[in-house]
Amino acid sequence: MKILLDENIDQNLKRFLKDYEVYHVRDMKWLGRKNGELLKLAVTNNFDVFISNDAQIKFQQNLTKFDIHLIILKTKGNDLDFVYPILPRLLEVINAIKSRVTKDKYFEI
């Protein structure tokens, strides 16, 4: 399963997702791209999951147009210290997506 981390997500999150193929927007040289363009690029490049902390994305984009799972991290900051407490839930959601236990495309954690 292929996961894309938005530029507002700490790149170090990758080390907790080592069972997956994980890229940061920086790795893809997609820094500065708008959400709609990022989602199109992610789908075109066969990403299964896009992780961001931009809660406004669901209001800015018609998410039904994109065949990708979107996970929004509702943390108080971007550093890994803020993500660490929700890491078990994040892994639970990613595993549910991978095993096709859920058909949901949008998650807020």
PDB file of N, CA and C in Angstrom:
ATOM      1  N   MET A   1       0.850  -1.178   0.000  1.00  0.00           N
ATOM      2  CA  MET A   1       0.000   0.000   0.000  1.00  0.00           C
ATOM      3  C   MET A   1       0.889   1.232   0.000  1.00  0.00           C
ATOM      4  N   LYS A   2       0.528   2.202  -0.786  1.00  0.00           N
ATOM      5  CA  LYS A   2       1.320   3.405  -0.995  1.00  0.00           C
ATOM      6  C   LYS A   2       0.663   4.595  -0.291  1.00  0.00           C
ATOM      7  N   ILE A   3       1.451   5.286   0.542  1.00  0.00           N
ATOM      8  CA  ILE A   3       0.945   6.394   1.356  1.00  0.00           C
ATOM      9  C   ILE A   3       1.731   7.656   1.041  1.00  0.00           C
ATOM     10  N   LEU A   4       1.010   8.779   0.893  1.00  0.00           N
ATOM     11  CA  LEU A   4       1.634  10.081   0.671  1.00  0.00           C
ATOM     12  C   LEU A   4       1.377  10.973   1.875  1.00  0.00           C
ATOM     13  N   LEU A   5       2.450  11.549   2.409  1.00  0.00           N
ATOM     14  CA  LEU A   5       2.351  12.497   3.516  1.00  0.00           C
ATOM     15  C   LEU A   5       2.395  13.914   2.953  1.00  0.00           C
ATOM     16  N   ASP A   6       1.458  14.731   3.355  1.00  0.00           N
ATOM     17  CA  ASP A   6       1.407  16.130   2.937  1.00  0.00           C
ATOM     18  C   ASP A   6       2.595  16.888   3.514  1.00  0.00           C
ATOM     19  N   GLU A   7       2.892  18.035   2.962  1.00  0.00           N
ATOM     20  CA  GLU A   7       4.044  18.802   3.434  1.00  0.00           C
ATOM     21  C   GLU A   7       3.863  19.319   4.856  1.00  0.00           C
ATOM     22  N   ASN A   8       2.633  19.344   5.358  1.00  0.00           N
ATOM     23  CA  ASN A   8       2.394  19.801   6.728  1.00  0.00           C
ATOM     24  C   ASN A   8       2.506  18.663   7.749  1.00  0.00           C
ATOM     25  N   ILE A   9       2.944  17.499   7.293  1.00  0.00           N
ATOM     26  CA  ILE A   9       3.148  16.339   8.171  1.00  0.00           C
ATOM     27  C   ILE A   9       4.651  16.119   8.351  1.00  0.00           C
ATOM     28  N   ASP A  10       5.065  15.881   9.576  1.00  0.00           N
ATOM     29  CA  ASP A  10       6.471  15.621   9.886  1.00  0.00           C
ATOM     30  C   ASP A  10       6.939  14.388   9.104  1.00  0.00           C
ATOM     31  N   GLN A  11       8.024  14.543   8.352  1.00  0.00           N
ATOM     32  CA  GLN A  11       8.571  13.444   7.549  1.00  0.00           C
ATOM     33  C   GLN A  11       8.950  12.231   8.392  1.00  0.00           C
ATOM     34  N   ASN A  12       9.262  12.459   9.658  1.00  0.00           N
ATOM     35  CA  ASN A  12       9.674  11.372  10.534  1.00  0.00           C
ATOM     36  C   ASN A  12       8.557  10.381  10.835  1.00  0.00           C
ATOM     37  N   LEU A  13       7.333  10.715  10.455  1.00  0.00           N
ATOM     38  CA  LEU A  13       6.229   9.777  10.614  1.00  0.00           C
ATOM     39  C   LEU A  13       6.491   8.510   9.800  1.00  0.00           C
ATOM     40  N   LYS A  14       7.270   8.629   8.743  1.00  0.00           N
ATOM     41  CA  LYS A  14       7.568   7.479   7.880  1.00  0.00           C
ATOM     42  C   LYS A  14       8.149   6.312   8.669  1.00  0.00           C
ATOM     43  N   ARG A  15       8.942   6.588   9.678  1.00  0.00           N
ATOM     44  CA  ARG A  15       9.587   5.490  10.412  1.00  0.00           C
ATOM     45  C   ARG A  15       8.577   4.655  11.212  1.00  0.00           C
ATOM     46  N   PHE A  16       7.399   5.193  11.489  1.00  0.00           N
ATOM     47  CA  PHE A  16       6.355   4.442  12.182  1.00  0.00           C
ATOM     48  C   PHE A  16       5.440   3.707  11.207  1.00  0.00           C
ATOM     49  N   LEU A  17       5.643   3.961   9.936  1.00  0.00           N
ATOM     50  CA  LEU A  17       4.822   3.336   8.890  1.00  0.00           C
ATOM     51  C   LEU A  17       5.682   2.460   7.984  1.00  0.00           C
ATOM     52  N   LYS A  18       6.707   1.856   8.546  1.00  0.00           N
ATOM     53  CA  LYS A  18       7.691   1.125   7.742  1.00  0.00           C
ATOM     54  C   LYS A  18       7.142  -0.131   7.075  1.00  0.00           C
ATOM     55  N   ASP A  19       5.948  -0.570   7.461  1.00  0.00           N
ATOM     56  CA  ASP A  19       5.333  -1.715   6.788  1.00  0.00           C
ATOM     57  C   ASP A  19       4.681  -1.320   5.468  1.00  0.00           C
ATOM     58  N   TYR A  20       4.739  -0.042   5.150  1.00  0.00           N
ATOM     59  CA  TYR A  20       4.088   0.486   3.953  1.00  0.00           C
ATOM     60  C   TYR A  20       5.099   1.237   3.097  1.00  0.00           C
ATOM     61  N   GLU A  21       4.702   1.496   1.867  1.00  0.00           N
ATOM     62  CA  GLU A  21       5.510   2.306   0.958  1.00  0.00           C
ATOM     63  C   GLU A  21       5.074   3.760   1.174  1.00  0.00           C
ATOM     64  N   VAL A  22       5.900   4.526   1.893  1.00  0.00           N
ATOM     65  CA  VAL A  22       5.510   5.871   2.320  1.00  0.00           C
ATOM     66  C   VAL A  22       6.444   6.913   1.715  1.00  0.00           C
ATOM     67  N   TYR A  23       5.834   7.960   1.167  1.00  0.00           N
ATOM     68  CA  TYR A  23       6.566   9.077   0.584  1.00  0.00           C
ATOM     69  C   TYR A  23       6.039  10.367   1.185  1.00  0.00           C
ATOM     70  N   HIS A  24       6.919  11.320   1.311  1.00  0.00           N
ATOM     71  CA  HIS A  24       6.541  12.666   1.717  1.00  0.00           C
ATOM     72  C   HIS A  24       6.431  13.501   0.440  1.00  0.00           C
ATOM     73  N   VAL A  25       5.612  14.511   0.464  1.00  0.00           N
ATOM     74  CA  VAL A  25       5.476  15.406  -0.694  1.00  0.00           C
ATOM     75  C   VAL A  25       6.864  15.903  -1.136  1.00  0.00           C
ATOM     76  N   ARG A  26       7.737  16.121  -0.186  1.00  0.00           N
ATOM     77  CA  ARG A  26       9.106  16.559  -0.494  1.00  0.00           C
ATOM     78  C   ARG A  26       9.841  15.500  -1.328  1.00  0.00           C
ATOM     79  N   ASP A  27       9.668  14.228  -0.987  1.00  0.00           N
ATOM     80  CA  ASP A  27      10.312  13.144  -1.745  1.00  0.00           C
ATOM     81  C   ASP A  27       9.875  13.153  -3.206  1.00  0.00           C
ATOM     82  N   MET A  28       8.630  13.517  -3.420  1.00  0.00           N
ATOM     83  CA  MET A  28       8.057  13.512  -4.770  1.00  0.00           C
ATOM     84  C   MET A  28       8.325  14.817  -5.521  1.00  0.00           C
ATOM     85  N   LYS A  29       8.942  15.774  -4.836  1.00  0.00           N
ATOM     86  CA  LYS A  29       9.207  17.109  -5.401  1.00  0.00           C
ATOM     87  C   LYS A  29       7.906  17.833  -5.757  1.00  0.00           C
ATOM     88  N   TRP A  30       6.912  17.678  -4.857  1.00  0.00           N
ATOM     89  CA  TRP A  30       5.603  18.290  -5.040  1.00  0.00           C
ATOM     90  C   TRP A  30       5.336  19.380  -4.016  1.00  0.00           C
ATOM     91  N   LEU A  31       6.359  19.908  -3.391  1.00  0.00           N
ATOM     92  CA  LEU A  31       6.165  20.977  -2.401  1.00  0.00           C
ATOM     93  C   LEU A  31       5.487  22.180  -3.044  1.00  0.00           C
ATOM     94  N   GLY A  32       4.594  22.808  -2.297  1.00  0.00           N
ATOM     95  CA  GLY A  32       3.939  24.023  -2.773  1.00  0.00           C
ATOM     96  C   GLY A  32       2.740  23.793  -3.676  1.00  0.00           C
ATOM     97  N   ARG A  33       2.429  22.548  -3.975  1.00  0.00           N
ATOM     98  CA  ARG A  33       1.277  22.265  -4.829  1.00  0.00           C
ATOM     99  C   ARG A  33      -0.016  22.436  -4.035  1.00  0.00           C
ATOM    100  N   LYS A  34      -1.041  22.878  -4.681  1.00  0.00           N
ATOM    101  CA  LYS A  34      -2.359  23.033  -4.051  1.00  0.00           C
ATOM    102  C   LYS A  34      -2.980  21.651  -3.835  1.00  0.00           C
ATOM    103  N   ASN A  35      -3.928  21.579  -2.899  1.00  0.00           N
ATOM    104  CA  ASN A  35      -4.529  20.295  -2.535  1.00  0.00           C
ATOM    105  C   ASN A  35      -5.138  19.548  -3.715  1.00  0.00           C
ATOM    106  N   GLY A  36      -5.879  20.233  -4.558  1.00  0.00           N
ATOM    107  CA  GLY A  36      -6.499  19.577  -5.709  1.00  0.00           C
ATOM    108  C   GLY A  36      -5.466  18.956  -6.627  1.00  0.00           C
ATOM    109  N   GLU A  37      -4.418  19.694  -6.891  1.00  0.00           N
ATOM    110  CA  GLU A  37      -3.343  19.185  -7.744  1.00  0.00           C
ATOM    111  C   GLU A  37      -2.632  18.016  -7.064  1.00  0.00           C
ATOM    112  N   LEU A  38      -2.389  18.138  -5.758  1.00  0.00           N
ATOM    113  CA  LEU A  38      -1.744  17.050  -5.014  1.00  0.00           C
ATOM    114  C   LEU A  38      -2.574  15.774  -5.056  1.00  0.00           C
ATOM    115  N   LEU A  39      -3.856  15.907  -4.861  1.00  0.00           N
ATOM    116  CA  LEU A  39      -4.730  14.729  -4.901  1.00  0.00           C
ATOM    117  C   LEU A  39      -4.719  14.084  -6.289  1.00  0.00           C
ATOM    118  N   LYS A  40      -4.744  14.891  -7.341  1.00  0.00           N
ATOM    119  CA  LYS A  40      -4.671  14.353  -8.706  1.00  0.00           C
ATOM    120  C   LYS A  40      -3.357  13.624  -8.923  1.00  0.00           C
ATOM    121  N   LEU A  41      -2.253  14.243  -8.496  1.00  0.00           N
ATOM    122  CA  LEU A  41      -0.939  13.611  -8.638  1.00  0.00           C
ATOM    123  C   LEU A  41      -0.867  12.306  -7.841  1.00  0.00           C
ATOM    124  N   ALA A  42      -1.427  12.322  -6.643  1.00  0.00           N
ATOM    125  CA  ALA A  42      -1.404  11.123  -5.800  1.00  0.00           C
ATOM    126  C   ALA A  42      -2.160   9.982  -6.475  1.00  0.00           C
ATOM    127  N   VAL A  43      -3.333  10.269  -7.008  1.00  0.00           N
ATOM    128  CA  VAL A  43      -4.125   9.242  -7.679  1.00  0.00           C
ATOM    129  C   VAL A  43      -3.399   8.749  -8.925  1.00  0.00           C
ATOM    130  N   THR A  44      -2.883   9.671  -9.728  1.00  0.00           N
ATOM    131  CA  THR A  44      -2.160   9.316 -10.952  1.00  0.00           C
ATOM    132  C   THR A  44      -0.945   8.447 -10.660  1.00  0.00           C
ATOM    133  N   ASN A  45      -0.321   8.662  -9.500  1.00  0.00           N
ATOM    134  CA  ASN A  45       0.875   7.916  -9.124  1.00  0.00           C
ATOM    135  C   ASN A  45       0.566   6.728  -8.205  1.00  0.00           C
ATOM    136  N   ASN A  46      -0.691   6.307  -8.221  1.00  0.00           N
ATOM    137  CA  ASN A  46      -1.141   5.085  -7.547  1.00  0.00           C
ATOM    138  C   ASN A  46      -0.981   5.079  -6.029  1.00  0.00           C
ATOM    139  N   PHE A  47      -1.136   6.235  -5.399  1.00  0.00           N
ATOM    140  CA  PHE A  47      -1.160   6.277  -3.943  1.00  0.00           C
ATOM    141  C   PHE A  47      -2.537   5.822  -3.470  1.00  0.00           C
ATOM    142  N   ASP A  48      -2.543   5.100  -2.368  1.00  0.00           N
ATOM    143  CA  ASP A  48      -3.794   4.614  -1.797  1.00  0.00           C
ATOM    144  C   ASP A  48      -4.330   5.533  -0.708  1.00  0.00           C
ATOM    145  N   VAL A  49      -3.394   6.223  -0.013  1.00  0.00           N
ATOM    146  CA  VAL A  49      -3.742   7.048   1.143  1.00  0.00           C
ATOM    147  C   VAL A  49      -2.980   8.366   1.069  1.00  0.00           C
ATOM    148  N   PHE A  50      -3.679   9.436   1.402  1.00  0.00           N
ATOM    149  CA  PHE A  50      -3.068  10.762   1.526  1.00  0.00           C
ATOM    150  C   PHE A  50      -3.309  11.222   2.959  1.00  0.00           C
ATOM    151  N   ILE A  51      -2.220  11.528   3.694  1.00  0.00           N
ATOM    152  CA  ILE A  51      -2.329  11.972   5.078  1.00  0.00           C
ATOM    153  C   ILE A  51      -1.958  13.447   5.158  1.00  0.00           C
ATOM    154  N   SER A  52      -2.836  14.227   5.766  1.00  0.00           N
ATOM    155  CA  SER A  52      -2.642  15.671   5.902  1.00  0.00           C
ATOM    156  C   SER A  52      -3.183  16.115   7.257  1.00  0.00           C
ATOM    157  N   ASN A  53      -2.890  17.343   7.626  1.00  0.00           N
ATOM    158  CA  ASN A  53      -3.572  17.911   8.792  1.00  0.00           C
ATOM    159  C   ASN A  53      -4.364  19.147   8.390  1.00  0.00           C
ATOM    160  N   ASP A  54      -4.640  19.269   7.101  1.00  0.00           N
ATOM    161  CA  ASP A  54      -5.431  20.372   6.561  1.00  0.00           C
ATOM    162  C   ASP A  54      -6.918  20.000   6.598  1.00  0.00           C
ATOM    163  N   ALA A  55      -7.571  20.322   7.689  1.00  0.00           N
ATOM    164  CA  ALA A  55      -8.982  19.967   7.871  1.00  0.00           C
ATOM    165  C   ALA A  55      -9.893  20.689   6.875  1.00  0.00           C
ATOM    166  N   GLN A  56      -9.422  21.731   6.244  1.00  0.00           N
ATOM    167  CA  GLN A  56     -10.242  22.487   5.290  1.00  0.00           C
ATOM    168  C   GLN A  56     -10.364  21.791   3.944  1.00  0.00           C
ATOM    169  N   ILE A  57      -9.551  20.785   3.711  1.00  0.00           N
ATOM    170  CA  ILE A  57      -9.534  20.116   2.408  1.00  0.00           C
ATOM    171  C   ILE A  57     -10.913  19.559   2.031  1.00  0.00           C
ATOM    172  N   LYS A  58     -11.662  19.087   3.013  1.00  0.00           N
ATOM    173  CA  LYS A  58     -12.980  18.510   2.695  1.00  0.00           C
ATOM    174  C   LYS A  58     -13.969  19.572   2.227  1.00  0.00           C
ATOM    175  N   PHE A  59     -13.713  20.832   2.550  1.00  0.00           N
ATOM    176  CA  PHE A  59     -14.573  21.924   2.099  1.00  0.00           C
ATOM    177  C   PHE A  59     -14.070  22.528   0.793  1.00  0.00           C
ATOM    178  N   GLN A  60     -12.793  22.363   0.514  1.00  0.00           N
ATOM    179  CA  GLN A  60     -12.168  22.971  -0.662  1.00  0.00           C
ATOM    180  C   GLN A  60     -12.203  22.075  -1.899  1.00  0.00           C
ATOM    181  N   GLN A  61     -12.328  20.768  -1.672  1.00  0.00           N
ATOM    182  CA  GLN A  61     -12.258  19.813  -2.780  1.00  0.00           C
ATOM    183  C   GLN A  61     -13.496  18.918  -2.798  1.00  0.00           C
ATOM    184  N   ASN A  62     -13.870  18.495  -3.976  1.00  0.00           N
ATOM    185  CA  ASN A  62     -14.909  17.479  -4.119  1.00  0.00           C
ATOM    186  C   ASN A  62     -14.199  16.136  -4.010  1.00  0.00           C
ATOM    187  N   LEU A  63     -14.158  15.586  -2.813  1.00  0.00           N
ATOM    188  CA  LEU A  63     -13.357  14.398  -2.549  1.00  0.00           C
ATOM    189  C   LEU A  63     -13.865  13.160  -3.276  1.00  0.00           C
ATOM    190  N   THR A  64     -15.116  13.173  -3.706  1.00  0.00           N
ATOM    191  CA  THR A  64     -15.647  12.020  -4.426  1.00  0.00           C
ATOM    192  C   THR A  64     -14.992  11.866  -5.804  1.00  0.00           C
ATOM    193  N   LYS A  65     -14.351  12.907  -6.289  1.00  0.00           N
ATOM    194  CA  LYS A  65     -13.662  12.865  -7.590  1.00  0.00           C
ATOM    195  C   LYS A  65     -12.365  12.067  -7.530  1.00  0.00           C
ATOM    196  N   PHE A  66     -11.840  11.845  -6.330  1.00  0.00           N
ATOM    197  CA  PHE A  66     -10.518  11.252  -6.182  1.00  0.00           C
ATOM    198  C   PHE A  66     -10.605   9.856  -5.583  1.00  0.00           C
ATOM    199  N   ASP A  67     -10.040   8.893  -6.271  1.00  0.00           N
ATOM    200  CA  ASP A  67     -10.029   7.517  -5.782  1.00  0.00           C
ATOM    201  C   ASP A  67      -8.822   7.311  -4.860  1.00  0.00           C
ATOM    202  N   ILE A  68      -8.932   7.882  -3.667  1.00  0.00           N
ATOM    203  CA  ILE A  68      -7.869   7.809  -2.682  1.00  0.00           C
ATOM    204  C   ILE A  68      -8.498   7.967  -1.294  1.00  0.00           C
ATOM    205  N   HIS A  69      -7.883   7.342  -0.313  1.00  0.00           N
ATOM    206  CA  HIS A  69      -8.331   7.509   1.073  1.00  0.00           C
ATOM    207  C   HIS A  69      -7.621   8.719   1.653  1.00  0.00           C
ATOM    208  N   LEU A  70      -8.360   9.554   2.318  1.00  0.00           N
ATOM    209  CA  LEU A  70      -7.811  10.767   2.914  1.00  0.00           C
ATOM    210  C   LEU A  70      -7.917  10.666   4.429  1.00  0.00           C
ATOM    211  N   ILE A  71      -6.771  10.833   5.093  1.00  0.00           N
ATOM    212  CA  ILE A  71      -6.736  10.812   6.552  1.00  0.00           C
ATOM    213  C   ILE A  71      -6.270  12.181   7.024  1.00  0.00           C
ATOM    214  N   ILE A  72      -7.116  12.842   7.802  1.00  0.00           N
ATOM    215  CA  ILE A  72      -6.786  14.147   8.367  1.00  0.00           C
ATOM    216  C   ILE A  72      -6.402  13.955   9.829  1.00  0.00           C
ATOM    217  N   LEU A  73      -5.213  14.411  10.178  1.00  0.00           N
ATOM    218  CA  LEU A  73      -4.743  14.350  11.560  1.00  0.00           C
ATOM    219  C   LEU A  73      -5.113  15.659  12.237  1.00  0.00           C
ATOM    220  N   LYS A  74      -5.975  15.568  13.215  1.00  0.00           N
ATOM    221  CA  LYS A  74      -6.452  16.765  13.927  1.00  0.00           C
ATOM    222  C   LYS A  74      -5.607  16.954  15.190  1.00  0.00           C
ATOM    223  N   THR A  75      -4.391  17.356  14.985  1.00  0.00           N
ATOM    224  CA  THR A  75      -3.462  17.558  16.093  1.00  0.00           C
ATOM    225  C   THR A  75      -3.236  19.051  16.312  1.00  0.00           C
ATOM    226  N   LYS A  76      -2.685  19.392  17.460  1.00  0.00           N
ATOM    227  CA  LYS A  76      -2.443  20.804  17.779  1.00  0.00           C
ATOM    228  C   LYS A  76      -1.208  21.362  17.086  1.00  0.00           C
ATOM    229  N   GLY A  77      -0.411  20.496  16.504  1.00  0.00           N
ATOM    230  CA  GLY A  77       0.798  20.934  15.815  1.00  0.00           C
ATOM    231  C   GLY A  77       1.253  19.894  14.811  1.00  0.00           C
ATOM    232  N   ASN A  78       2.290  20.250  14.063  1.00  0.00           N
ATOM    233  CA  ASN A  78       2.783  19.388  12.996  1.00  0.00           C
ATOM    234  C   ASN A  78       3.884  18.435  13.438  1.00  0.00           C
ATOM    235  N   ASP A  79       4.517  18.716  14.565  1.00  0.00           N
ATOM    236  CA  ASP A  79       5.632  17.894  15.015  1.00  0.00           C
ATOM    237  C   ASP A  79       5.171  16.498  15.376  1.00  0.00           C
ATOM    238  N   LEU A  80       6.080  15.557  15.284  1.00  0.00           N
ATOM    239  CA  LEU A  80       5.781  14.174  15.603  1.00  0.00           C
ATOM    240  C   LEU A  80       5.296  14.006  17.043  1.00  0.00           C
ATOM    241  N   ASP A  81       5.730  14.886  17.936  1.00  0.00           N
ATOM    242  CA  ASP A  81       5.278  14.832  19.331  1.00  0.00           C
ATOM    243  C   ASP A  81       3.757  14.935  19.435  1.00  0.00           C
ATOM    244  N   PHE A  82       3.145  15.673  18.536  1.00  0.00           N
ATOM    245  CA  PHE A  82       1.691  15.834  18.542  1.00  0.00           C
ATOM    246  C   PHE A  82       0.991  14.634  17.894  1.00  0.00           C
ATOM    247  N   VAL A  83       1.674  13.984  16.977  1.00  0.00           N
ATOM    248  CA  VAL A  83       1.097  12.851  16.255  1.00  0.00           C
ATOM    249  C   VAL A  83       1.225  11.561  17.063  1.00  0.00           C
ATOM    250  N   TYR A  84       2.276  11.465  17.841  1.00  0.00           N
ATOM    251  CA  TYR A  84       2.552  10.227  18.567  1.00  0.00           C
ATOM    252  C   TYR A  84       1.356   9.711  19.383  1.00  0.00           C
ATOM    253  N   PRO A  85       0.627  10.561  20.107  1.00  0.00           N
ATOM    254  CA  PRO A  85      -0.511  10.045  20.894  1.00  0.00           C
ATOM    255  C   PRO A  85      -1.637   9.425  20.050  1.00  0.00           C
ATOM    256  N   ILE A  86      -1.762   9.838  18.795  1.00  0.00           N
ATOM    257  CA  ILE A  86      -2.825   9.285  17.952  1.00  0.00           C
ATOM    258  C   ILE A  86      -2.305   8.195  17.003  1.00  0.00           C
ATOM    259  N   LEU A  87      -1.040   7.866  17.130  1.00  0.00           N
ATOM    260  CA  LEU A  87      -0.430   6.878  16.252  1.00  0.00           C
ATOM    261  C   LEU A  87      -1.158   5.526  16.262  1.00  0.00           C
ATOM    262  N   PRO A  88      -1.562   4.994  17.430  1.00  0.00           N
ATOM    263  CA  PRO A  88      -2.303   3.716  17.398  1.00  0.00           C
ATOM    264  C   PRO A  88      -3.578   3.795  16.556  1.00  0.00           C
ATOM    265  N   ARG A  89      -4.306   4.876  16.672  1.00  0.00           N
ATOM    266  CA  ARG A  89      -5.541   5.043  15.880  1.00  0.00           C
ATOM    267  C   ARG A  89      -5.211   5.182  14.394  1.00  0.00           C
ATOM    268  N   LEU A  90      -4.146   5.922  14.080  1.00  0.00           N
ATOM    269  CA  LEU A  90      -3.727   6.078  12.688  1.00  0.00           C
ATOM    270  C   LEU A  90      -3.400   4.715  12.085  1.00  0.00           C
ATOM    271  N   LEU A  91      -2.645   3.915  12.794  1.00  0.00           N
ATOM    272  CA  LEU A  91      -2.284   2.584  12.303  1.00  0.00           C
ATOM    273  C   LEU A  91      -3.519   1.700  12.155  1.00  0.00           C
ATOM    274  N   GLU A  92      -4.454   1.834  13.061  1.00  0.00           N
ATOM    275  CA  GLU A  92      -5.702   1.083  12.988  1.00  0.00           C
ATOM    276  C   GLU A  92      -6.469   1.426  11.708  1.00  0.00           C
ATOM    277  N   VAL A  93      -6.556   2.709  11.405  1.00  0.00           N
ATOM    278  CA  VAL A  93      -7.263   3.153  10.193  1.00  0.00           C
ATOM    279  C   VAL A  93      -6.533   2.669   8.944  1.00  0.00           C
ATOM    280  N   ILE A  94      -5.213   2.821   8.915  1.00  0.00           N
ATOM    281  CA  ILE A  94      -4.433   2.377   7.753  1.00  0.00           C
ATOM    282  C   ILE A  94      -4.597   0.869   7.544  1.00  0.00           C
ATOM    283  N   ASN A  95      -4.560   0.107   8.617  1.00  0.00           N
ATOM    284  CA  ASN A  95      -4.739  -1.343   8.503  1.00  0.00           C
ATOM    285  C   ASN A  95      -6.141  -1.703   8.030  1.00  0.00           C
ATOM    286  N   ALA A  96      -7.141  -0.950   8.461  1.00  0.00           N
ATOM    287  CA  ALA A  96      -8.515  -1.184   8.000  1.00  0.00           C
ATOM    288  C   ALA A  96      -8.636  -0.906   6.503  1.00  0.00           C
ATOM    289  N   ILE A  97      -7.961   0.123   6.046  1.00  0.00           N
ATOM    290  CA  ILE A  97      -7.961   0.440   4.611  1.00  0.00           C
ATOM    291  C   ILE A  97      -7.266  -0.681   3.846  1.00  0.00           C
ATOM    292  N   LYS A  98      -6.101  -1.077   4.330  1.00  0.00           N
ATOM    293  CA  LYS A  98      -5.319  -2.115   3.647  1.00  0.00           C
ATOM    294  C   LYS A  98      -6.094  -3.423   3.552  1.00  0.00           C
ATOM    295  N   SER A  99      -6.739  -3.816   4.633  1.00  0.00           N
ATOM    296  CA  SER A  99      -7.458  -5.090   4.648  1.00  0.00           C
ATOM    297  C   SER A  99      -8.872  -4.980   4.085  1.00  0.00           C
ATOM    298  N   ARG A 100      -9.220  -3.782   3.637  1.00  0.00           N
ATOM    299  CA  ARG A 100     -10.536  -3.505   3.033  1.00  0.00           C
ATOM    300  C   ARG A 100     -11.695  -3.748   3.994  1.00  0.00           C
ATOM    301  N   VAL A 101     -11.434  -3.538   5.284  1.00  0.00           N
ATOM    302  CA  VAL A 101     -12.478  -3.662   6.312  1.00  0.00           C
ATOM    303  C   VAL A 101     -13.436  -2.484   6.219  1.00  0.00           C
ATOM    304  N   THR A 102     -12.935  -1.359   5.751  1.00  0.00           N
ATOM    305  CA  THR A 102     -13.756  -0.157   5.634  1.00  0.00           C
ATOM    306  C   THR A 102     -13.847   0.274   4.176  1.00  0.00           C
ATOM    307  N   LYS A 103     -14.992   0.835   3.837  1.00  0.00           N
ATOM    308  CA  LYS A 103     -15.166   1.409   2.500  1.00  0.00           C
ATOM    309  C   LYS A 103     -15.101   2.929   2.563  1.00  0.00           C
ATOM    310  N   ASP A 104     -14.957   3.458   3.772  1.00  0.00           N
ATOM    311  CA  ASP A 104     -14.868   4.905   3.941  1.00  0.00           C
ATOM    312  C   ASP A 104     -13.631   5.434   3.222  1.00  0.00           C
ATOM    313  N   LYS A 105     -13.753   6.643   2.711  1.00  0.00           N
ATOM    314  CA  LYS A 105     -12.637   7.289   2.013  1.00  0.00           C
ATOM    315  C   LYS A 105     -12.074   8.466   2.799  1.00  0.00           C
ATOM    316  N   TYR A 106     -12.779   8.910   3.830  1.00  0.00           N
ATOM    317  CA  TYR A 106     -12.361  10.097   4.576  1.00  0.00           C
ATOM    318  C   TYR A 106     -12.361   9.780   6.075  1.00  0.00           C
ATOM    319  N   PHE A 107     -11.257  10.110   6.730  1.00  0.00           N
ATOM    320  CA  PHE A 107     -11.112   9.858   8.154  1.00  0.00           C
ATOM    321  C   PHE A 107     -10.513  11.087   8.829  1.00  0.00           C
ATOM    322  N   GLU A 108     -11.001  11.400  10.006  1.00  0.00           N
ATOM    323  CA  GLU A 108     -10.397  12.427  10.852  1.00  0.00           C
ATOM    324  C   GLU A 108      -9.975  11.758  12.147  1.00  0.00           C
ATOM    325  N   ILE A 109      -8.715  11.955  12.489  1.00  0.00           N
ATOM    326  CA  ILE A 109      -8.166  11.326  13.694  1.00  0.00           C
ATOM    327  C   ILE A 109      -7.645  12.413  14.608  1.00  0.00           C
TER     328      ILE A 109
END
